[in-house]
Amino acid sequence: MGYFSSFAEFIQMGTHGLYVWLSYGIALGIFIYNIVSAFWLKRQFFINAKRRLRREQGRV
């Protein structure tokens, strides 16, 4: 493990474990949110485009 002598010490990161793992968690949450929101916006775009096409085809 290099600097740390045990896995528990690695998780605790001295006394900074809470801040280190919390920052990793927040970064991971933001990363997942960005991916999910991109897929959701793409889905909404295509739903709205289909709706618009159906509406325009009915008028022609």
Foldseek 3Di string as FASTA:
>chain_A
DPPDPDVVCVCCVPVCNVVVVVVVVVVVVVVVVVVVVVVVVVVVVVVVVVVVVVVVVVVD
